[in-house]
């Protein structure tokens, strides 16, 4: 029997997460199995798997692992750069957040334009209130 392709493994992992439409991420066993598949694909350096595994880690509250995964692909993926912007903004590291939002904007991200504008407005309001 032939080994599954990276794309087939990714679909299988995503199906495990999204199996229960509105209850995705709630089935711990499915998440565990999906995570194992994502990790297998990450070890093969399959770029889309980095995004999905990072999202799952973020969902589990493991922001450090998510950050590590996003950092490996941010220079080739708008979503990874945008997610790093969000992580750093939530950590109040606005310099790094701005850096990653700007990278994402160069890729064409409209949501990062919005996030950067919102973050700048927030920071300007803080300065004005002081």
C-alpha atoms as a PDB file:
ATOM      1  CA  UNK A   1       0.000   0.000   0.000  1.00  0.00           C
ATOM      2  CA  UNK A   2       1.294   3.455  -0.939  1.00  0.00           C
ATOM      3  CA  UNK A   3       2.107   5.973   1.739  1.00  0.00           C
ATOM      4  CA  UNK A   4      -0.316   8.890   1.940  1.00  0.00           C
ATOM      5  CA  UNK A   5       0.729  12.176   0.394  1.00  0.00           C
ATOM      6  CA  UNK A   6       1.299  15.262   2.535  1.00  0.00           C
ATOM      7  CA  UNK A   7      -1.948  16.709   1.206  1.00  0.00           C
ATOM      8  CA  UNK A   8      -3.887  13.568   2.145  1.00  0.00           C
ATOM      9  CA  UNK A   9      -2.439  13.586   5.659  1.00  0.00           C
ATOM     10  CA  UNK A  10      -3.317  17.254   6.057  1.00  0.00           C
ATOM     11  CA  UNK A  11      -6.893  16.616   4.937  1.00  0.00           C
ATOM     12  CA  UNK A  12      -7.130  13.701   7.357  1.00  0.00           C
ATOM     13  CA  UNK A  13      -5.882  15.868  10.240  1.00  0.00           C
ATOM     14  CA  UNK A  14      -8.251  18.712   9.352  1.00  0.00           C
ATOM     15  CA  UNK A  15     -11.160  16.288   9.094  1.00  0.00           C
ATOM     16  CA  UNK A  16     -10.423  15.126  12.636  1.00  0.00           C
ATOM     17  CA  UNK A  17     -10.581  18.707  13.917  1.00  0.00           C
ATOM     18  CA  UNK A  18     -13.688  19.691  11.958  1.00  0.00           C
ATOM     19  CA  UNK A  19     -15.527  16.379  12.230  1.00  0.00           C
ATOM     20  CA  UNK A  20     -18.186  17.707  14.599  1.00  0.00           C
ATOM     21  CA  UNK A  21     -18.984  20.980  12.782  1.00  0.00           C
ATOM     22  CA  UNK A  22     -19.783  23.264  15.712  1.00  0.00           C
ATOM     23  CA  UNK A  23     -17.840  21.220  18.228  1.00  0.00           C
ATOM     24  CA  UNK A  24     -14.412  21.349  16.618  1.00  0.00           C
ATOM     25  CA  UNK A  25     -11.527  21.261  19.079  1.00  0.00           C
ATOM     26  CA  UNK A  26     -13.785  19.752  21.753  1.00  0.00           C
ATOM     27  CA  UNK A  27     -13.032  16.114  21.010  1.00  0.00           C
ATOM     28  CA  UNK A  28      -9.707  15.691  22.800  1.00  0.00           C
ATOM     29  CA  UNK A  29      -8.903  12.367  21.131  1.00  0.00           C
ATOM     30  CA  UNK A  30      -9.481  13.811  17.662  1.00  0.00           C
ATOM     31  CA  UNK A  31      -7.280  16.792  18.538  1.00  0.00           C
ATOM     32  CA  UNK A  32      -4.549  14.477  19.772  1.00  0.00           C
ATOM     33  CA  UNK A  33      -4.650  12.444  16.564  1.00  0.00           C
ATOM     34  CA  UNK A  34      -4.714  15.575  14.403  1.00  0.00           C
ATOM     35  CA  UNK A  35      -1.783  17.026  16.341  1.00  0.00           C
ATOM     36  CA  UNK A  36       0.238  13.860  15.701  1.00  0.00           C
ATOM     37  CA  UNK A  37      -0.474  14.117  11.972  1.00  0.00           C
ATOM     38  CA  UNK A  38       0.417  17.826  11.900  1.00  0.00           C
ATOM     39  CA  UNK A  39       3.671  17.095  13.759  1.00  0.00           C
ATOM     40  CA  UNK A  40       4.521  14.356  11.261  1.00  0.00           C
ATOM     41  CA  UNK A  41       4.001  16.848   8.437  1.00  0.00           C
ATOM     42  CA  UNK A  42       5.991  19.582  10.204  1.00  0.00           C
ATOM     43  CA  UNK A  43       8.851  17.114  10.541  1.00  0.00           C
ATOM     44  CA  UNK A  44       8.644  16.707   6.759  1.00  0.00           C
ATOM     45  CA  UNK A  45       8.847  20.525   6.525  1.00  0.00           C
ATOM     46  CA  UNK A  46       5.402  20.742   4.902  1.00  0.00           C
ATOM     47  CA  UNK A  47       4.556  24.449   5.228  1.00  0.00           C
ATOM     48  CA  UNK A  48       0.725  24.279   5.552  1.00  0.00           C
ATOM     49  CA  UNK A  49       1.080  21.953   8.538  1.00  0.00           C
ATOM     50  CA  UNK A  50       3.017  24.627  10.441  1.00  0.00           C
ATOM     51  CA  UNK A  51      -0.045  26.888  10.290  1.00  0.00           C
ATOM     52  CA  UNK A  52      -2.491  24.235  11.430  1.00  0.00           C
ATOM     53  CA  UNK A  53      -0.280  22.922  14.217  1.00  0.00           C
ATOM     54  CA  UNK A  54       0.402  26.477  15.404  1.00  0.00           C
ATOM     55  CA  UNK A  55      -3.338  27.216  15.442  1.00  0.00           C
ATOM     56  CA  UNK A  56      -3.979  24.062  17.449  1.00  0.00           C
ATOM     57  CA  UNK A  57      -1.192  24.932  19.902  1.00  0.00           C
ATOM     58  CA  UNK A  58      -2.609  28.442  20.251  1.00  0.00           C
ATOM     59  CA  UNK A  59      -6.056  26.970  20.889  1.00  0.00           C
ATOM     60  CA  UNK A  60      -4.540  24.802  23.640  1.00  0.00           C
ATOM     61  CA  UNK A  61      -2.935  27.900  25.187  1.00  0.00           C
ATOM     62  CA  UNK A  62       0.608  26.968  24.148  1.00  0.00           C
ATOM     63  CA  UNK A  63       1.504  30.359  22.673  1.00  0.00           C
ATOM     64  CA  UNK A  64       5.244  29.751  22.883  1.00  0.00           C
ATOM     65  CA  UNK A  65       4.983  26.686  20.641  1.00  0.00           C
ATOM     66  CA  UNK A  66       2.640  28.525  18.264  1.00  0.00           C
ATOM     67  CA  UNK A  67       5.105  31.416  18.100  1.00  0.00           C
ATOM     68  CA  UNK A  68       7.965  29.001  17.367  1.00  0.00           C
ATOM     69  CA  UNK A  69       6.033  27.403  14.494  1.00  0.00           C
ATOM     70  CA  UNK A  70       4.867  30.695  12.982  1.00  0.00           C
ATOM     71  CA  UNK A  71       8.407  32.098  13.156  1.00  0.00           C
ATOM     72  CA  UNK A  72       9.663  29.263  10.960  1.00  0.00           C
ATOM     73  CA  UNK A  73       7.425  30.300   8.047  1.00  0.00           C
ATOM     74  CA  UNK A  74       6.453  33.957   8.527  1.00  0.00           C
ATOM     75  CA  UNK A  75       8.713  35.108   5.709  1.00  0.00           C
ATOM     76  CA  UNK A  76       6.806  32.986   3.188  1.00  0.00           C
ATOM     77  CA  UNK A  77       3.307  33.096   4.630  1.00  0.00           C
ATOM     78  CA  UNK A  78       1.077  36.119   5.251  1.00  0.00           C
ATOM     79  CA  UNK A  79      -1.055  34.282   7.816  1.00  0.00           C
ATOM     80  CA  UNK A  80       1.945  33.305   9.925  1.00  0.00           C
ATOM     81  CA  UNK A  81       3.219  36.898   9.936  1.00  0.00           C
ATOM     82  CA  UNK A  82      -0.225  38.189  10.896  1.00  0.00           C
ATOM     83  CA  UNK A  83      -0.585  35.614  13.681  1.00  0.00           C
ATOM     84  CA  UNK A  84       2.804  36.613  15.072  1.00  0.00           C
ATOM     85  CA  UNK A  85       1.599  40.208  15.071  1.00  0.00           C
ATOM     86  CA  UNK A  86      -1.410  39.156  17.136  1.00  0.00           C
ATOM     87  CA  UNK A  87       0.683  37.126  19.563  1.00  0.00           C
ATOM     88  CA  UNK A  88       3.081  40.033  20.167  1.00  0.00           C
ATOM     89  CA  UNK A  89       0.265  42.562  20.403  1.00  0.00           C
ATOM     90  CA  UNK A  90      -1.414  40.409  23.060  1.00  0.00           C
ATOM     91  CA  UNK A  91       1.911  40.311  24.917  1.00  0.00           C
ATOM     92  CA  UNK A  92       2.092  44.132  24.677  1.00  0.00           C
ATOM     93  CA  UNK A  93       5.269  43.916  22.596  1.00  0.00           C
ATOM     94  CA  UNK A  94       4.064  46.538  20.139  1.00  0.00           C
ATOM     95  CA  UNK A  95       7.388  46.953  18.339  1.00  0.00           C
ATOM     96  CA  UNK A  96       7.444  43.277  17.328  1.00  0.00           C
ATOM     97  CA  UNK A  97       3.705  43.305  16.600  1.00  0.00           C
ATOM     98  CA  UNK A  98       4.162  46.232  14.227  1.00  0.00           C
ATOM     99  CA  UNK A  99       7.087  44.491  12.527  1.00  0.00           C
ATOM    100  CA  UNK A 100       5.060  41.352  11.797  1.00  0.00           C
ATOM    101  CA  UNK A 101       1.919  43.236  10.799  1.00  0.00           C
ATOM    102  CA  UNK A 102       3.986  45.209   8.303  1.00  0.00           C
ATOM    103  CA  UNK A 103       5.424  42.002   6.825  1.00  0.00           C
ATOM    104  CA  UNK A 104       1.916  40.613   6.512  1.00  0.00           C
ATOM    105  CA  UNK A 105       0.749  43.837   4.863  1.00  0.00           C
ATOM    106  CA  UNK A 106       3.534  43.477   2.276  1.00  0.00           C
ATOM    107  CA  UNK A 107       1.995  40.093   1.428  1.00  0.00           C
ATOM    108  CA  UNK A 108      -1.334  41.881   0.921  1.00  0.00           C
ATOM    109  CA  UNK A 109      -3.108  41.274   4.231  1.00  0.00           C
ATOM    110  CA  UNK A 110      -6.013  43.653   4.726  1.00  0.00           C
ATOM    111  CA  UNK A 111      -6.700  42.328   8.230  1.00  0.00           C
ATOM    112  CA  UNK A 112      -3.160  43.247   9.289  1.00  0.00           C
ATOM    113  CA  UNK A 113      -3.739  46.787   7.981  1.00  0.00           C
ATOM    114  CA  UNK A 114      -6.776  46.969  10.232  1.00  0.00           C
ATOM    115  CA  UNK A 115      -4.943  45.445  13.238  1.00  0.00           C
ATOM    116  CA  UNK A 116      -1.991  47.818  12.819  1.00  0.00           C
ATOM    117  CA  UNK A 117      -4.309  50.812  12.604  1.00  0.00           C
ATOM    118  CA  UNK A 118      -6.254  49.666  15.683  1.00  0.00           C
ATOM    119  CA  UNK A 119      -3.046  49.066  17.639  1.00  0.00           C
ATOM    120  CA  UNK A 120      -1.701  52.502  16.684  1.00  0.00           C
ATOM    121  CA  UNK A 121      -4.990  54.145  17.727  1.00  0.00           C
ATOM    122  CA  UNK A 122      -4.848  52.323  21.054  1.00  0.00           C
ATOM    123  CA  UNK A 123      -1.265  53.430  21.658  1.00  0.00           C
ATOM    124  CA  UNK A 124      -2.047  57.031  20.637  1.00  0.00           C
ATOM    125  CA  UNK A 125      -4.964  57.072  23.086  1.00  0.00           C
ATOM    126  CA  UNK A 126      -2.662  55.877  25.859  1.00  0.00           C
ATOM    127  CA  UNK A 127      -0.228  58.689  25.133  1.00  0.00           C
ATOM    128  CA  UNK A 128      -3.004  61.305  25.018  1.00  0.00           C
ATOM    129  CA  UNK A 129      -4.443  60.136  28.369  1.00  0.00           C
ATOM    130  CA  UNK A 130      -1.076  60.522  30.096  1.00  0.00           C
END
